[in-house]
N, C-alpha and C. Protein backbone atom coordinates (compact mmCIF):
# COMPACT_ATOMS: atom_id res chain seq x y z
N MET A 1 8.22 11.20 -19.65
CA MET A 1 8.25 10.34 -18.71
C MET A 1 7.41 9.06 -19.43
N THR A 2 7.90 7.75 -19.09
CA THR A 2 7.19 6.72 -19.65
C THR A 2 6.01 6.24 -18.93
N VAL A 3 5.36 5.25 -19.31
CA VAL A 3 3.92 4.72 -18.67
C VAL A 3 4.42 4.07 -17.37
N ASP A 4 5.56 3.38 -17.39
CA ASP A 4 5.92 2.65 -16.06
C ASP A 4 6.29 3.74 -15.01
N GLN A 5 6.92 4.75 -15.50
CA GLN A 5 7.30 5.81 -14.59
C GLN A 5 6.08 6.49 -13.96
N GLY A 6 5.18 6.59 -14.88
CA GLY A 6 3.89 7.19 -14.44
C GLY A 6 3.08 6.55 -13.61
N LEU A 7 3.23 5.13 -13.73
CA LEU A 7 2.58 4.17 -12.82
C LEU A 7 3.19 4.17 -11.51
N GLN A 8 4.52 4.28 -11.53
CA GLN A 8 5.51 4.40 -10.29
C GLN A 8 5.08 5.40 -9.35
N VAL A 9 4.97 6.69 -10.00
CA VAL A 9 4.61 7.85 -9.54
C VAL A 9 3.04 7.62 -8.77
N CYS A 10 2.20 7.06 -9.57
CA CYS A 10 0.90 6.89 -9.08
C CYS A 10 1.00 6.00 -7.73
N GLY A 11 1.65 4.78 -7.81
CA GLY A 11 1.71 3.92 -6.85
C GLY A 11 2.42 4.61 -5.50
N ALA A 12 3.37 5.31 -5.82
CA ALA A 12 4.08 6.12 -4.70
C ALA A 12 2.99 6.93 -4.09
N LEU A 13 2.39 7.82 -4.77
CA LEU A 13 1.35 8.64 -4.25
C LEU A 13 0.27 8.12 -3.37
N LEU A 14 -0.20 6.85 -3.98
CA LEU A 14 -1.20 6.26 -3.18
C LEU A 14 -0.55 6.01 -1.60
N LEU A 15 0.62 5.36 -1.55
CA LEU A 15 1.34 5.24 -0.32
C LEU A 15 1.43 6.46 0.49
N LEU A 16 1.88 7.56 -0.13
CA LEU A 16 2.20 8.65 0.56
C LEU A 16 0.98 9.33 1.13
N VAL A 17 -0.02 9.52 0.36
CA VAL A 17 -1.19 10.06 0.85
C VAL A 17 -1.78 9.36 1.86
N ALA A 18 -1.74 7.99 1.89
CA ALA A 18 -2.30 7.17 3.07
C ALA A 18 -1.39 7.50 4.25
N TYR A 19 -0.18 7.45 4.29
CA TYR A 19 0.69 7.78 5.18
C TYR A 19 0.49 9.18 5.56
N GLY A 20 0.36 10.08 4.82
CA GLY A 20 0.28 11.56 5.35
C GLY A 20 -1.06 11.65 6.08
N LEU A 21 -2.10 11.31 5.36
CA LEU A 21 -3.30 11.11 6.07
C LEU A 21 -3.50 10.66 7.67
N ALA A 22 -2.85 9.44 7.72
CA ALA A 22 -2.67 8.77 8.80
C ALA A 22 -1.68 9.63 9.92
N GLN A 23 -0.83 10.27 9.45
CA GLN A 23 0.18 11.16 10.29
C GLN A 23 -0.79 12.29 10.76
N ALA A 24 -1.66 12.86 9.84
CA ALA A 24 -2.43 14.06 10.31
C ALA A 24 -3.56 13.68 10.93
N ARG A 25 -3.69 12.33 11.32
CA ARG A 25 -4.86 11.82 11.96
C ARG A 25 -6.29 11.86 11.39
N VAL A 26 -6.27 12.05 10.05
CA VAL A 26 -7.29 12.02 9.24
C VAL A 26 -7.79 10.65 9.09
N LEU A 27 -6.98 9.66 8.91
CA LEU A 27 -7.18 8.17 8.76
C LEU A 27 -6.56 7.45 9.87
N GLU A 28 -7.22 6.46 10.33
CA GLU A 28 -6.91 5.62 11.08
C GLU A 28 -6.09 4.40 10.54
N PRO A 29 -5.06 3.90 11.24
CA PRO A 29 -4.25 2.94 10.24
C PRO A 29 -5.10 1.67 10.28
N ASP A 30 -6.43 1.46 10.72
CA ASP A 30 -7.10 0.35 10.42
C ASP A 30 -8.34 0.57 9.72
N ALA A 31 -8.38 2.01 8.99
CA ALA A 31 -9.49 2.22 8.14
C ALA A 31 -9.32 1.50 6.94
N TYR A 32 -10.61 1.43 6.48
CA TYR A 32 -10.59 0.65 5.12
C TYR A 32 -9.89 1.45 4.03
N SER A 33 -10.12 2.86 4.10
CA SER A 33 -9.54 3.60 2.98
C SER A 33 -7.91 3.52 3.11
N TYR A 34 -7.48 3.52 4.38
CA TYR A 34 -6.00 3.49 4.58
C TYR A 34 -5.48 2.28 4.10
N LEU A 35 -6.03 1.11 4.46
CA LEU A 35 -5.64 -0.21 4.13
C LEU A 35 -5.91 -0.29 2.51
N LEU A 36 -6.91 0.07 2.17
CA LEU A 36 -6.92 -0.03 0.44
C LEU A 36 -5.98 0.93 -0.36
N LEU A 37 -5.69 2.04 0.26
CA LEU A 37 -4.62 2.80 -0.50
C LEU A 37 -3.25 2.03 -0.40
N ASN A 38 -2.88 1.63 0.85
CA ASN A 38 -1.70 0.81 0.98
C ASN A 38 -1.74 -0.13 0.05
N LEU A 39 -2.67 -1.05 0.03
CA LEU A 39 -2.75 -2.23 -0.82
C LEU A 39 -2.56 -1.90 -2.29
N ALA A 40 -3.38 -0.99 -2.81
CA ALA A 40 -3.37 -0.43 -4.33
C ALA A 40 -1.85 -0.16 -4.66
N GLY A 41 -1.43 0.95 -3.77
CA GLY A 41 -0.14 1.53 -4.19
C GLY A 41 1.05 0.37 -4.11
N SER A 42 1.03 -0.44 -2.94
CA SER A 42 2.12 -1.26 -2.70
C SER A 42 2.05 -2.49 -3.99
N ALA A 43 0.97 -2.97 -4.12
CA ALA A 43 0.57 -4.00 -5.32
C ALA A 43 0.94 -3.40 -6.58
N LEU A 44 0.69 -2.36 -6.85
CA LEU A 44 1.27 -1.64 -8.17
C LEU A 44 2.72 -1.64 -8.31
N LEU A 45 3.19 -1.02 -7.23
CA LEU A 45 4.85 -0.98 -7.18
C LEU A 45 5.35 -2.38 -7.28
N ALA A 46 4.88 -3.31 -6.75
CA ALA A 46 5.28 -4.72 -6.69
C ALA A 46 5.24 -5.14 -8.03
N VAL A 47 4.46 -5.17 -8.79
CA VAL A 47 4.17 -5.77 -10.06
C VAL A 47 5.26 -4.88 -11.01
N LEU A 48 5.36 -3.51 -10.78
CA LEU A 48 6.45 -2.89 -11.66
C LEU A 48 7.75 -3.31 -11.41
N ALA A 49 8.13 -3.66 -10.06
CA ALA A 49 9.29 -4.03 -9.84
C ALA A 49 9.52 -5.21 -10.28
N TRP A 50 8.71 -6.26 -10.35
CA TRP A 50 8.75 -7.54 -10.77
C TRP A 50 9.18 -7.47 -12.47
N ARG A 51 8.33 -6.67 -12.98
CA ARG A 51 8.50 -6.59 -14.43
C ARG A 51 9.92 -6.00 -14.67
N GLY A 52 10.44 -5.14 -13.77
CA GLY A 52 11.66 -4.63 -14.07
C GLY A 52 13.02 -5.35 -13.32
N GLU A 53 12.54 -6.61 -12.87
CA GLU A 53 13.59 -7.35 -12.13
C GLU A 53 14.43 -6.51 -11.15
N GLN A 54 13.53 -5.71 -10.34
CA GLN A 54 14.08 -5.02 -9.24
C GLN A 54 13.92 -5.83 -7.88
N TRP A 55 14.45 -6.90 -7.59
CA TRP A 55 14.20 -7.80 -6.51
C TRP A 55 14.00 -7.38 -5.19
N GLY A 56 14.85 -6.41 -4.86
CA GLY A 56 14.83 -5.80 -3.43
C GLY A 56 13.50 -4.89 -3.12
N PHE A 57 13.25 -4.12 -4.25
CA PHE A 57 11.98 -3.27 -4.34
C PHE A 57 10.80 -4.38 -4.40
N LEU A 58 10.95 -5.35 -5.25
CA LEU A 58 9.78 -6.41 -5.11
C LEU A 58 9.45 -6.94 -3.75
N LEU A 59 10.54 -7.18 -3.07
CA LEU A 59 10.45 -7.72 -1.61
C LEU A 59 9.77 -6.76 -0.79
N LEU A 60 10.37 -5.47 -0.89
CA LEU A 60 9.68 -4.45 0.07
C LEU A 60 8.19 -4.08 -0.35
N GLU A 61 7.80 -4.07 -1.49
CA GLU A 61 6.54 -3.70 -1.72
C GLU A 61 5.66 -4.92 -1.82
N GLY A 62 6.09 -5.90 -2.17
CA GLY A 62 5.21 -7.45 -1.99
C GLY A 62 4.88 -7.60 -0.44
N VAL A 63 6.04 -7.50 0.23
CA VAL A 63 5.41 -7.81 1.66
C VAL A 63 4.59 -6.59 2.29
N TRP A 64 4.85 -5.45 1.85
CA TRP A 64 3.98 -4.48 2.23
C TRP A 64 2.37 -4.61 1.62
N ALA A 65 2.34 -4.98 0.44
CA ALA A 65 1.08 -5.42 -0.10
C ALA A 65 0.36 -6.58 0.68
N LEU A 66 1.00 -7.66 1.28
CA LEU A 66 0.65 -8.74 2.09
C LEU A 66 0.14 -8.27 3.25
N VAL A 67 0.98 -7.35 3.84
CA VAL A 67 0.56 -6.86 5.27
C VAL A 67 -0.75 -5.99 5.11
N ALA A 68 -0.80 -5.12 4.13
CA ALA A 68 -2.08 -4.20 3.94
C ALA A 68 -3.15 -5.36 3.67
N LEU A 69 -3.04 -6.44 2.93
CA LEU A 69 -4.05 -7.40 2.62
C LEU A 69 -4.48 -8.24 4.07
N TRP A 70 -3.53 -8.54 4.80
CA TRP A 70 -3.69 -9.07 6.10
C TRP A 70 -4.48 -8.11 6.92
N GLY A 71 -4.24 -6.92 6.98
CA GLY A 71 -4.99 -5.98 8.06
C GLY A 71 -6.40 -5.90 7.32
N LEU A 72 -6.51 -5.71 6.08
CA LEU A 72 -7.79 -5.61 5.44
C LEU A 72 -8.70 -6.99 5.79
N GLY A 73 -7.94 -8.09 5.63
CA GLY A 73 -8.65 -9.26 6.03
C GLY A 73 -9.13 -9.36 7.64
N ARG A 74 -8.22 -8.80 8.52
CA ARG A 74 -8.72 -8.73 9.85
C ARG A 74 -9.83 -7.80 9.99
N ARG A 75 -9.68 -6.61 9.29
CA ARG A 75 -10.77 -5.64 9.43
C ARG A 75 -12.16 -6.22 8.93
N LEU A 76 -12.12 -6.93 7.87
CA LEU A 76 -13.31 -7.46 7.35
C LEU A 76 -13.89 -8.65 8.24
N ARG A 77 -13.01 -9.17 8.91
CA ARG A 77 -13.50 -10.30 9.89
C ARG A 77 -13.92 -9.69 11.26
N GLY A 78 -13.71 -8.45 11.41
CA GLY A 78 -13.97 -7.70 12.67
C GLY A 78 -13.16 -7.93 13.76
N ARG A 79 -11.79 -8.06 13.53
CA ARG A 79 -10.66 -8.49 14.40
C ARG A 79 -9.90 -7.33 14.69
N VAL A 80 -10.29 -6.20 14.62
CA VAL A 80 -9.62 -4.87 14.92
C VAL A 80 -9.80 -4.49 16.19
N SER A 81 -8.58 -4.25 16.92
CA SER A 81 -8.73 -3.86 18.29
C SER A 81 -8.38 -2.38 18.47
N ARG A 82 -9.01 -1.66 19.13
CA ARG A 82 -8.89 -0.31 19.49
C ARG A 82 -7.78 -0.14 20.44
N ALA A 83 -6.75 0.59 20.51
CA ALA A 83 -5.97 0.84 21.73
C ALA A 83 -6.43 2.05 22.36
């Protein structure tokens, strides 16, 4: 396994752990830990996609990172609504 492949697995695991914990109702989708796991995993995968010139994957992960960052910003500003 190359370093890039190891980093890809780490990024994917961050996303999958966040998703799994949210599905198990351990984490709320607006929890700092959920948002940070999503941001870290998707940003890592976006950088690797950019380096590998994988434009579709870069689009997916780049938008995922931006959405996580947006959610984190809303949370930090106290603009989270509970349904």
